[in-house]
Structures are given as structure tokens and as C-alpha cells.
């Protein structure tokens, strides 16, 4: 099973856990290019595992992975992205069903 591991602030963790937020944004930077591309193609994952913090006992959530898109900040929902920068490209990690939440 291919898993994408991401860390979130509490606000975004709670919105995804409630099912209200279905897209996670990551700025197009070399770090994310390495993690989201395999052999010059967008990677495919089975699930996204989110943590609210870095500790082993931090809240944890498993979410179905739907896909990845690339777009500009102007097309992103500003209510669901922290300080989106204008004229910047973002990876949109599309989320499906919340499979498990551990608080």
C-alpha cells in the first residue's frame, strides 16, 4: 500500500476529519516535487495519513487518496488554504472518504 504522510495544523486536521475539506494544498517547491512525483509523473497513493503534530501520540487520520492536480492560487479556495500566495502554483491533493480518526 502506498501512503502519503502529511502533517497538519489543528484547524485543517479538524476540517478534513469532519469531511468539510476535501483538498489539501502544498506549494510547488522542490521538496514537494520530490515527494509527489515518481519517474516524472504525478505519484499515485492509496491513502493519505495525516498527523496533527509530530509526536507519536498526536491525533492521526487515514483518508482515501483520490488524486493530485496542479493549479495556481487564484483557483484555490482561500478558506481552505493557509496564506495562499498569489501567482504561485500549488499541488491540490484530492481527498476521498475519511477512513479512520484517532484523537
PDB file of N, CA and C in Angstrom:
ATOM      1  N   UNK A   1       0.845  -1.175   0.000  1.00  0.00           N
ATOM      2  CA  UNK A   1       0.000   0.000   0.000  1.00  0.00           C
ATOM      3  C   UNK A   1       0.891   1.240   0.000  1.00  0.00           C
ATOM      4  N   UNK A   2       0.601   2.189  -0.895  1.00  0.00           N
ATOM      5  CA  UNK A   2       1.375   3.428  -0.973  1.00  0.00           C
ATOM      6  C   UNK A   2       0.667   4.510  -0.155  1.00  0.00           C
ATOM      7  N   UNK A   3       1.414   5.084   0.778  1.00  0.00           N
ATOM      8  CA  UNK A   3       0.841   6.058   1.705  1.00  0.00           C
ATOM      9  C   UNK A   3       1.594   7.372   1.598  1.00  0.00           C
ATOM     10  N   UNK A   4       0.857   8.466   1.537  1.00  0.00           N
ATOM     11  CA  UNK A   4       1.420   9.808   1.589  1.00  0.00           C
ATOM     12  C   UNK A   4       1.236  10.303   3.017  1.00  0.00           C
ATOM     13  N   UNK A   5       2.330  10.630   3.690  1.00  0.00           N
ATOM     14  CA  UNK A   5       2.289  11.109   5.075  1.00  0.00           C
ATOM     15  C   UNK A   5       2.388  12.628   5.084  1.00  0.00           C
ATOM     16  N   UNK A   6       1.423  13.282   5.749  1.00  0.00           N
ATOM     17  CA  UNK A   6       1.409  14.740   5.845  1.00  0.00           C
ATOM     18  C   UNK A   6       1.104  15.170   7.278  1.00  0.00           C
ATOM     19  N   UNK A   7       1.667  16.297   7.667  1.00  0.00           N
ATOM     20  CA  UNK A   7       1.405  16.885   8.975  1.00  0.00           C
ATOM     21  C   UNK A   7       0.563  18.139   8.774  1.00  0.00           C
ATOM     22  N   UNK A   8      -0.422  18.326   9.659  1.00  0.00           N
ATOM     23  CA  UNK A   8      -1.353  19.456   9.548  1.00  0.00           C
ATOM     24  C   UNK A   8      -1.485  20.191  10.869  1.00  0.00           C
ATOM     25  N   UNK A   9      -1.856  21.472  10.764  1.00  0.00           N
ATOM     26  CA  UNK A   9      -2.262  22.224  11.945  1.00  0.00           C
ATOM     27  C   UNK A   9      -3.668  21.772  12.319  1.00  0.00           C
ATOM     28  N   UNK A  10      -4.037  21.993  13.575  1.00  0.00           N
ATOM     29  CA  UNK A  10      -5.313  21.521  14.105  1.00  0.00           C
ATOM     30  C   UNK A  10      -6.515  21.978  13.273  1.00  0.00           C
ATOM     31  N   UNK A  11      -6.530  23.243  12.853  1.00  0.00           N
ATOM     32  CA  UNK A  11      -7.657  23.777  12.083  1.00  0.00           C
ATOM     33  C   UNK A  11      -7.921  22.937  10.839  1.00  0.00           C
ATOM     34  N   UNK A  12      -6.872  22.626  10.069  1.00  0.00           N
ATOM     35  CA  UNK A  12      -7.022  21.869   8.828  1.00  0.00           C
ATOM     36  C   UNK A  12      -7.314  20.405   9.116  1.00  0.00           C
ATOM     37  N   UNK A  13      -6.705  19.862  10.167  1.00  0.00           N
ATOM     38  CA  UNK A  13      -6.964  18.478  10.565  1.00  0.00           C
ATOM     39  C   UNK A  13      -8.456  18.306  10.866  1.00  0.00           C
ATOM     40  N   UNK A  14      -9.006  19.213  11.665  1.00  0.00           N
ATOM     41  CA  UNK A  14     -10.418  19.117  12.050  1.00  0.00           C
ATOM     42  C   UNK A  14     -11.357  19.276  10.855  1.00  0.00           C
ATOM     43  N   UNK A  15     -11.021  20.177   9.919  1.00  0.00           N
ATOM     44  CA  UNK A  15     -11.874  20.364   8.735  1.00  0.00           C
ATOM     45  C   UNK A  15     -11.877  19.122   7.839  1.00  0.00           C
ATOM     46  N   UNK A  16     -10.731  18.469   7.707  1.00  0.00           N
ATOM     47  CA  UNK A  16     -10.674  17.242   6.908  1.00  0.00           C
ATOM     48  C   UNK A  16     -11.407  16.119   7.629  1.00  0.00           C
ATOM     49  N   UNK A  17     -11.188  15.989   8.942  1.00  0.00           N
ATOM     50  CA  UNK A  17     -11.844  14.930   9.723  1.00  0.00           C
ATOM     51  C   UNK A  17     -13.367  15.046   9.655  1.00  0.00           C
ATOM     52  N   UNK A  18     -13.873  16.279   9.597  1.00  0.00           N
ATOM     53  CA  UNK A  18     -15.328  16.480   9.536  1.00  0.00           C
ATOM     54  C   UNK A  18     -15.888  16.238   8.135  1.00  0.00           C
ATOM     55  N   UNK A  19     -15.012  16.121   7.138  1.00  0.00           N
ATOM     56  CA  UNK A  19     -15.453  15.926   5.764  1.00  0.00           C
ATOM     57  C   UNK A  19     -15.700  17.227   5.022  1.00  0.00           C
ATOM     58  N   UNK A  20     -15.502  18.359   5.694  1.00  0.00           N
ATOM     59  CA  UNK A  20     -15.749  19.659   5.077  1.00  0.00           C
ATOM     60  C   UNK A  20     -14.653  20.047   4.076  1.00  0.00           C
ATOM     61  N   UNK A  21     -13.423  19.654   4.348  1.00  0.00           N
ATOM     62  CA  UNK A  21     -12.296  19.994   3.473  1.00  0.00           C
ATOM     63  C   UNK A  21     -11.872  18.744   2.709  1.00  0.00           C
ATOM     64  N   UNK A  22     -11.927  18.806   1.380  1.00  0.00           N
ATOM     65  CA  UNK A  22     -11.631  17.643   0.542  1.00  0.00           C
ATOM     66  C   UNK A  22     -10.362  17.830  -0.294  1.00  0.00           C
ATOM     67  N   UNK A  23      -9.668  18.954  -0.111  1.00  0.00           N
ATOM     68  CA  UNK A  23      -8.440  19.218  -0.862  1.00  0.00           C
ATOM     69  C   UNK A  23      -7.395  19.756   0.109  1.00  0.00           C
ATOM     70  N   UNK A  24      -6.205  19.195   0.062  1.00  0.00           N
ATOM     71  CA  UNK A  24      -5.074  19.702   0.840  1.00  0.00           C
ATOM     72  C   UNK A  24      -4.103  20.358  -0.128  1.00  0.00           C
ATOM     73  N   UNK A  25      -3.639  21.554   0.208  1.00  0.00           N
ATOM     74  CA  UNK A  25      -2.759  22.330  -0.663  1.00  0.00           C
ATOM     75  C   UNK A  25      -1.314  22.242  -0.213  1.00  0.00           C
ATOM     76  N   UNK A  26      -0.411  22.130  -1.177  1.00  0.00           N
ATOM     77  CA  UNK A  26       1.024  22.207  -0.926  1.00  0.00           C
ATOM     78  C   UNK A  26       1.638  23.043  -2.031  1.00  0.00           C
ATOM     79  N   UNK A  27       2.470  24.023  -1.638  1.00  0.00           N
ATOM     80  CA  UNK A  27       3.099  24.915  -2.604  1.00  0.00           C
ATOM     81  C   UNK A  27       4.076  24.136  -3.487  1.00  0.00           C
ATOM     82  N   UNK A  28       4.126  24.506  -4.750  1.00  0.00           N
ATOM     83  CA  UNK A  28       5.024  23.851  -5.713  1.00  0.00           C
ATOM     84  C   UNK A  28       6.465  24.270  -5.410  1.00  0.00           C
ATOM     85  N   UNK A  29       7.147  23.422  -4.652  1.00  0.00           N
ATOM     86  CA  UNK A  29       8.551  23.640  -4.273  1.00  0.00           C
ATOM     87  C   UNK A  29       9.302  22.329  -4.489  1.00  0.00           C
ATOM     88  N   UNK A  30      10.630  22.382  -4.571  1.00  0.00           N
ATOM     89  CA  UNK A  30      11.412  21.154  -4.797  1.00  0.00           C
ATOM     90  C   UNK A  30      11.092  20.027  -3.801  1.00  0.00           C
ATOM     91  N   UNK A  31      10.859  20.365  -2.540  1.00  0.00           N
ATOM     92  CA  UNK A  31      10.540  19.339  -1.536  1.00  0.00           C
ATOM     93  C   UNK A  31       9.308  18.535  -1.945  1.00  0.00           C
ATOM     94  N   UNK A  32       8.249  19.242  -2.369  1.00  0.00           N
ATOM     95  CA  UNK A  32       7.007  18.565  -2.736  1.00  0.00           C
ATOM     96  C   UNK A  32       7.113  17.896  -4.098  1.00  0.00           C
ATOM     97  N   UNK A  33       7.915  18.449  -4.987  1.00  0.00           N
ATOM     98  CA  UNK A  33       8.145  17.798  -6.278  1.00  0.00           C
ATOM     99  C   UNK A  33       8.755  16.418  -6.056  1.00  0.00           C
ATOM    100  N   UNK A  34       9.728  16.317  -5.153  1.00  0.00           N
ATOM    101  CA  UNK A  34      10.364  15.022  -4.866  1.00  0.00           C
ATOM    102  C   UNK A  34       9.377  14.032  -4.262  1.00  0.00           C
ATOM    103  N   UNK A  35       8.481  14.515  -3.416  1.00  0.00           N
ATOM    104  CA  UNK A  35       7.546  13.622  -2.745  1.00  0.00           C
ATOM    105  C   UNK A  35       6.343  13.241  -3.592  1.00  0.00           C
ATOM    106  N   UNK A  36       5.954  14.119  -4.514  1.00  0.00           N
ATOM    107  CA  UNK A  36       4.715  13.884  -5.255  1.00  0.00           C
ATOM    108  C   UNK A  36       4.920  13.401  -6.690  1.00  0.00           C
ATOM    109  N   UNK A  37       6.159  13.330  -7.142  1.00  0.00           N
ATOM    110  CA  UNK A  37       6.442  12.839  -8.490  1.00  0.00           C
ATOM    111  C   UNK A  37       7.275  11.566  -8.421  1.00  0.00           C
ATOM    112  N   UNK A  38       6.983  10.628  -9.289  1.00  0.00           N
ATOM    113  CA  UNK A  38       7.761   9.400  -9.459  1.00  0.00           C
ATOM    114  C   UNK A  38       7.985   9.221 -10.947  1.00  0.00           C
ATOM    115  N   UNK A  39       9.245   9.146 -11.369  1.00  0.00           N
ATOM    116  CA  UNK A  39       9.576   8.984 -12.787  1.00  0.00           C
ATOM    117  C   UNK A  39       8.923  10.054 -13.660  1.00  0.00           C
ATOM    118  N   UNK A  40       9.004  11.296 -13.225  1.00  0.00           N
ATOM    119  CA  UNK A  40       8.469  12.455 -13.945  1.00  0.00           C
ATOM    120  C   UNK A  40       6.948  12.441 -14.120  1.00  0.00           C
ATOM    121  N   UNK A  41       6.248  11.646 -13.341  1.00  0.00           N
ATOM    122  CA  UNK A  41       4.780  11.622 -13.367  1.00  0.00           C
ATOM    123  C   UNK A  41       4.264  11.798 -11.952  1.00  0.00           C
ATOM    124  N   UNK A  42       3.067  12.396 -11.838  1.00  0.00           N
ATOM    125  CA  UNK A  42       2.475  12.527 -10.517  1.00  0.00           C
ATOM    126  C   UNK A  42       2.269  11.150  -9.909  1.00  0.00           C
ATOM    127  N   UNK A  43       2.682  11.006  -8.668  1.00  0.00           N
ATOM    128  CA  UNK A  43       2.594   9.725  -7.974  1.00  0.00           C
ATOM    129  C   UNK A  43       1.146   9.392  -7.637  1.00  0.00           C
ATOM    130  N   UNK A  44       0.883   8.123  -7.483  1.00  0.00           N
ATOM    131  CA  UNK A  44      -0.423   7.641  -7.044  1.00  0.00           C
ATOM    132  C   UNK A  44      -0.255   6.995  -5.677  1.00  0.00           C
ATOM    133  N   UNK A  45      -1.187   7.258  -4.803  1.00  0.00           N
ATOM    134  CA  UNK A  45      -1.163   6.709  -3.452  1.00  0.00           C
ATOM    135  C   UNK A  45      -2.492   6.018  -3.183  1.00  0.00           C
ATOM    136  N   UNK A  46      -2.504   5.148  -2.196  1.00  0.00           N
ATOM    137  CA  UNK A  46      -3.750   4.505  -1.776  1.00  0.00           C
ATOM    138  C   UNK A  46      -4.453   5.339  -0.704  1.00  0.00           C
ATOM    139  N   UNK A  47      -3.648   5.889   0.205  1.00  0.00           N
ATOM    140  CA  UNK A  47      -4.194   6.657   1.321  1.00  0.00           C
ATOM    141  C   UNK A  47      -3.279   7.824   1.647  1.00  0.00           C
ATOM    142  N   UNK A  48      -3.867   8.813   2.340  1.00  0.00           N
ATOM    143  CA  UNK A  48      -3.097   9.906   2.918  1.00  0.00           C
ATOM    144  C   UNK A  48      -3.227   9.750   4.427  1.00  0.00           C
ATOM    145  N   UNK A  49      -2.097   9.733   5.130  1.00  0.00           N
ATOM    146  CA  UNK A  49      -2.101   9.668   6.586  1.00  0.00           C
ATOM    147  C   UNK A  49      -1.714  11.043   7.111  1.00  0.00           C
ATOM    148  N   UNK A  50      -2.608  11.634   7.886  1.00  0.00           N
ATOM    149  CA  UNK A  50      -2.386  12.964   8.446  1.00  0.00           C
ATOM    150  C   UNK A  50      -2.092  12.855   9.932  1.00  0.00           C
ATOM    151  N   UNK A  51      -1.195  13.701  10.401  1.00  0.00           N
ATOM    152  CA  UNK A  51      -0.942  13.861  11.829  1.00  0.00           C
ATOM    153  C   UNK A  51      -1.091  15.326  12.174  1.00  0.00           C
ATOM    154  N   UNK A  52      -1.681  15.566  13.333  1.00  0.00           N
ATOM    155  CA  UNK A  52      -1.788  16.927  13.856  1.00  0.00           C
ATOM    156  C   UNK A  52      -0.672  17.080  14.883  1.00  0.00           C
ATOM    157  N   UNK A  53       0.531  17.321  14.398  1.00  0.00           N
ATOM    158  CA  UNK A  53       1.714  17.417  15.255  1.00  0.00           C
ATOM    159  C   UNK A  53       2.715  16.353  14.861  1.00  0.00           C
ATOM    160  N   UNK A  54       3.824  16.318  15.594  1.00  0.00           N
ATOM    161  CA  UNK A  54       4.906  15.412  15.225  1.00  0.00           C
ATOM    162  C   UNK A  54       5.107  14.255  16.197  1.00  0.00           C
ATOM    163  N   UNK A  55       4.434  14.255  17.319  1.00  0.00           N
ATOM    164  CA  UNK A  55       4.606  13.186  18.296  1.00  0.00           C
ATOM    165  C   UNK A  55       3.867  11.916  17.908  1.00  0.00           C
ATOM    166  N   UNK A  56       4.317  10.792  18.460  1.00  0.00           N
ATOM    167  CA  UNK A  56       3.668   9.508  18.167  1.00  0.00           C
ATOM    168  C   UNK A  56       2.232   9.469  18.681  1.00  0.00           C
ATOM    169  N   UNK A  57       1.930  10.261  19.699  1.00  0.00           N
ATOM    170  CA  UNK A  57       0.576  10.271  20.257  1.00  0.00           C
ATOM    171  C   UNK A  57      -0.262  11.429  19.716  1.00  0.00           C
ATOM    172  N   UNK A  58       0.226  12.113  18.705  1.00  0.00           N
ATOM    173  CA  UNK A  58      -0.533  13.200  18.080  1.00  0.00           C
ATOM    174  C   UNK A  58      -1.757  12.630  17.388  1.00  0.00           C
ATOM    175  N   UNK A  59      -2.845  13.418  17.282  1.00  0.00           N
ATOM    176  CA  UNK A  59      -4.023  12.941  16.556  1.00  0.00           C
ATOM    177  C   UNK A  59      -3.635  12.477  15.149  1.00  0.00           C
ATOM    178  N   UNK A  60      -4.285  11.415  14.714  1.00  0.00           N
ATOM    179  CA  UNK A  60      -3.947  10.739  13.465  1.00  0.00           C
ATOM    180  C   UNK A  60      -5.224  10.481  12.667  1.00  0.00           C
ATOM    181  N   UNK A  61      -5.077  10.506  11.342  1.00  0.00           N
ATOM    182  CA  UNK A  61      -6.245  10.252  10.481  1.00  0.00           C
ATOM    183  C   UNK A  61      -5.789   9.583   9.192  1.00  0.00           C
ATOM    184  N   UNK A  62      -6.590   8.627   8.726  1.00  0.00           N
ATOM    185  CA  UNK A  62      -6.386   7.979   7.423  1.00  0.00           C
ATOM    186  C   UNK A  62      -7.494   8.444   6.492  1.00  0.00           C
ATOM    187  N   UNK A  63      -7.104   8.866   5.273  1.00  0.00           N
ATOM    188  CA  UNK A  63      -8.074   9.373   4.312  1.00  0.00           C
ATOM    189  C   UNK A  63      -7.784   8.751   2.950  1.00  0.00           C
ATOM    190  N   UNK A  64      -8.835   8.463   2.223  1.00  0.00           N
ATOM    191  CA  UNK A  64      -8.703   7.908   0.872  1.00  0.00           C
ATOM    192  C   UNK A  64      -8.049   8.945  -0.040  1.00  0.00           C
ATOM    193  N   UNK A  65      -7.073   8.525  -0.824  1.00  0.00           N
ATOM    194  CA  UNK A  65      -6.410   9.377  -1.807  1.00  0.00           C
ATOM    195  C   UNK A  65      -7.178   9.282  -3.116  1.00  0.00           C
ATOM    196  N   UNK A  66      -7.523  10.441  -3.706  1.00  0.00           N
ATOM    197  CA  UNK A  66      -8.255  10.470  -4.966  1.00  0.00           C
ATOM    198  C   UNK A  66      -7.346  10.849  -6.129  1.00  0.00           C
ATOM    199  N   UNK A  67      -6.437  11.805  -5.916  1.00  0.00           N
ATOM    200  CA  UNK A  67      -5.543  12.223  -6.988  1.00  0.00           C
ATOM    201  C   UNK A  67      -4.835  13.521  -6.652  1.00  0.00           C
ATOM    202  N   UNK A  68      -4.014  13.981  -7.592  1.00  0.00           N
ATOM    203  CA  UNK A  68      -3.266  15.235  -7.432  1.00  0.00           C
ATOM    204  C   UNK A  68      -3.462  16.067  -8.694  1.00  0.00           C
ATOM    205  N   UNK A  69      -3.685  17.354  -8.495  1.00  0.00           N
ATOM    206  CA  UNK A  69      -3.760  18.303  -9.595  1.00  0.00           C
ATOM    207  C   UNK A  69      -2.766  19.423  -9.299  1.00  0.00           C
ATOM    208  N   UNK A  70      -2.393  20.165 -10.328  1.00  0.00           N
ATOM    209  CA  UNK A  70      -1.529  21.326 -10.156  1.00  0.00           C
ATOM    210  C   UNK A  70      -2.293  22.537 -10.680  1.00  0.00           C
ATOM    211  N   UNK A  71      -2.330  23.616  -9.895  1.00  0.00           N
ATOM    212  CA  UNK A  71      -3.043  24.813 -10.319  1.00  0.00           C
ATOM    213  C   UNK A  71      -2.429  26.043  -9.665  1.00  0.00           C
ATOM    214  N   UNK A  72      -2.942  27.212 -10.007  1.00  0.00           N
ATOM    215  CA  UNK A  72      -2.475  28.469  -9.425  1.00  0.00           C
ATOM    216  C   UNK A  72      -3.355  28.849  -8.243  1.00  0.00           C
ATOM    217  N   UNK A  73      -2.803  29.649  -7.348  1.00  0.00           N
ATOM    218  CA  UNK A  73      -3.511  30.057  -6.136  1.00  0.00           C
ATOM    219  C   UNK A  73      -4.850  30.710  -6.438  1.00  0.00           C
ATOM    220  N   UNK A  74      -4.954  31.407  -7.548  1.00  0.00           N
ATOM    221  CA  UNK A  74      -6.199  32.097  -7.880  1.00  0.00           C
ATOM    222  C   UNK A  74      -7.376  31.140  -8.040  1.00  0.00           C
ATOM    223  N   UNK A  75      -7.099  29.857  -8.291  1.00  0.00           N
ATOM    224  CA  UNK A  75      -8.159  28.865  -8.458  1.00  0.00           C
ATOM    225  C   UNK A  75      -8.400  28.034  -7.202  1.00  0.00           C
ATOM    226  N   UNK A  76      -7.677  28.333  -6.131  1.00  0.00           N
ATOM    227  CA  UNK A  76      -7.815  27.596  -4.870  1.00  0.00           C
ATOM    228  C   UNK A  76      -8.839  28.273  -3.968  1.00  0.00           C
ATOM    229  N   UNK A  77      -9.440  27.501  -3.069  1.00  0.00           N
ATOM    230  CA  UNK A  77     -10.386  28.033  -2.099  1.00  0.00           C
ATOM    231  C   UNK A  77      -9.601  28.670  -0.953  1.00  0.00           C
ATOM    232  N   UNK A  78      -9.610  30.014  -0.819  1.00  0.00           N
ATOM    233  CA  UNK A  78      -8.809  30.669   0.217  1.00  0.00           C
ATOM    234  C   UNK A  78      -9.235  30.305   1.638  1.00  0.00           C
ATOM    235  N   UNK A  79     -10.453  29.826   1.813  1.00  0.00           N
ATOM    236  CA  UNK A  79     -10.901  29.429   3.144  1.00  0.00           C
ATOM    237  C   UNK A  79     -10.274  28.102   3.573  1.00  0.00           C
ATOM    238  N   UNK A  80      -9.744  27.349   2.627  1.00  0.00           N
ATOM    239  CA  UNK A  80      -9.186  26.039   2.946  1.00  0.00           C
ATOM    240  C   UNK A  80      -7.683  25.944   2.705  1.00  0.00           C
ATOM    241  N   UNK A  81      -7.030  27.104   2.591  1.00  0.00           N
ATOM    242  CA  UNK A  81      -5.586  27.115   2.414  1.00  0.00           C
ATOM    243  C   UNK A  81      -4.983  28.258   3.192  1.00  0.00           C
ATOM    244  N   UNK A  82      -3.972  27.969   3.942  1.00  0.00           N
ATOM    245  CA  UNK A  82      -3.366  28.988   4.788  1.00  0.00           C
ATOM    246  C   UNK A  82      -2.453  29.901   3.976  1.00  0.00           C
ATOM    247  N   UNK A  83      -2.802  31.161   3.929  1.00  0.00           N
ATOM    248  CA  UNK A  83      -1.965  32.174   3.290  1.00  0.00           C
ATOM    249  C   UNK A  83      -1.495  31.764   1.896  1.00  0.00           C
ATOM    250  N   UNK A  84      -2.429  31.443   1.021  1.00  0.00           N
ATOM    251  CA  UNK A  84      -2.071  31.112  -0.352  1.00  0.00           C
ATOM    252  C   UNK A  84      -1.459  32.334  -1.021  1.00  0.00           C
ATOM    253  N   UNK A  85      -0.334  32.128  -1.675  1.00  0.00           N
ATOM    254  CA  UNK A  85       0.389  33.230  -2.304  1.00  0.00           C
ATOM    255  C   UNK A  85      -0.106  33.426  -3.738  1.00  0.00           C
ATOM    256  N   UNK A  86      -0.462  34.672  -4.093  1.00  0.00           N
ATOM    257  CA  UNK A  86      -0.910  34.915  -5.467  1.00  0.00           C
ATOM    258  C   UNK A  86       0.202  34.585  -6.467  1.00  0.00           C
ATOM    259  N   UNK A  87      -0.178  34.223  -7.659  1.00  0.00           N
ATOM    260  CA  UNK A  87       0.773  33.906  -8.732  1.00  0.00           C
ATOM    261  C   UNK A  87       1.727  32.770  -8.361  1.00  0.00           C
ATOM    262  N   UNK A  88       1.261  31.853  -7.536  1.00  0.00           N
ATOM    263  CA  UNK A  88       2.070  30.708  -7.127  1.00  0.00           C
ATOM    264  C   UNK A  88       1.321  29.435  -7.489  1.00  0.00           C
ATOM    265  N   UNK A  89       2.065  28.440  -7.949  1.00  0.00           N
ATOM    266  CA  UNK A  89       1.449  27.143  -8.274  1.00  0.00           C
ATOM    267  C   UNK A  89       1.343  26.297  -7.013  1.00  0.00           C
ATOM    268  N   UNK A  90       0.273  25.505  -6.955  1.00  0.00           N
ATOM    269  CA  UNK A  90       0.034  24.616  -5.815  1.00  0.00           C
ATOM    270  C   UNK A  90      -0.328  23.221  -6.300  1.00  0.00           C
ATOM    271  N   UNK A  91       0.055  22.244  -5.489  1.00  0.00           N
ATOM    272  CA  UNK A  91      -0.416  20.876  -5.672  1.00  0.00           C
ATOM    273  C   UNK A  91      -1.706  20.762  -4.875  1.00  0.00           C
ATOM    274  N   UNK A  92      -2.734  20.260  -5.502  1.00  0.00           N
ATOM    275  CA  UNK A  92      -4.002  20.006  -4.834  1.00  0.00           C
ATOM    276  C   UNK A  92      -4.104  18.501  -4.629  1.00  0.00           C
ATOM    277  N   UNK A  93      -4.035  18.084  -3.400  1.00  0.00           N
ATOM    278  CA  UNK A  93      -4.138  16.669  -3.057  1.00  0.00           C
ATOM    279  C   UNK A  93      -5.615  16.410  -2.772  1.00  0.00           C
ATOM    280  N   UNK A  94      -6.235  15.673  -3.680  1.00  0.00           N
ATOM    281  CA  UNK A  94      -7.669  15.430  -3.628  1.00  0.00           C
ATOM    282  C   UNK A  94      -7.952  14.269  -2.667  1.00  0.00           C
ATOM    283  N   UNK A  95      -8.901  14.495  -1.755  1.00  0.00           N
ATOM    284  CA  UNK A  95      -9.192  13.538  -0.696  1.00  0.00           C
ATOM    285  C   UNK A  95     -10.585  12.931  -0.867  1.00  0.00           C
ATOM    286  N   UNK A  96     -10.689  11.673  -0.506  1.00  0.00           N
ATOM    287  CA  UNK A  96     -11.981  10.979  -0.537  1.00  0.00           C
ATOM    288  C   UNK A  96     -12.517  10.803   0.866  1.00  0.00           C
ATOM    289  N   UNK A  97     -12.990   9.615   1.162  1.00  0.00           N
ATOM    290  CA  UNK A  97     -13.597   9.314   2.447  1.00  0.00           C
ATOM    291  C   UNK A  97     -12.562   9.286   3.564  1.00  0.00           C
ATOM    292  N   UNK A  98     -12.984   9.769   4.740  1.00  0.00           N
ATOM    293  CA  UNK A  98     -12.173   9.642   5.946  1.00  0.00           C
ATOM    294  C   UNK A  98     -12.353   8.203   6.422  1.00  0.00           C
ATOM    295  N   UNK A  99     -11.261   7.463   6.510  1.00  0.00           N
ATOM    296  CA  UNK A  99     -11.319   6.043   6.855  1.00  0.00           C
ATOM    297  C   UNK A  99     -11.165   5.773   8.348  1.00  0.00           C
ATOM    298  N   UNK A 100     -10.435   6.662   9.034  1.00  0.00           N
ATOM    299  CA  UNK A 100     -10.177   6.453  10.459  1.00  0.00           C
ATOM    300  C   UNK A 100      -9.675   7.762  11.057  1.00  0.00           C
ATOM    301  N   UNK A 101     -10.115   8.046  12.282  1.00  0.00           N
ATOM    302  CA  UNK A 101      -9.608   9.204  13.040  1.00  0.00           C
ATOM    303  C   UNK A 101      -9.297   8.733  14.449  1.00  0.00           C
ATOM    304  N   UNK A 102      -8.099   9.035  14.901  1.00  0.00           N
ATOM    305  CA  UNK A 102      -7.675   8.737  16.277  1.00  0.00           C
ATOM    306  C   UNK A 102      -7.295  10.054  16.930  1.00  0.00           C
ATOM    307  N   UNK A 103      -7.993  10.412  17.966  1.00  0.00           N
ATOM    308  CA  UNK A 103      -7.708  11.693  18.657  1.00  0.00           C
ATOM    309  C   UNK A 103      -7.003  11.472  19.954  1.00  0.00           C
TER     310      UNK A 103
END
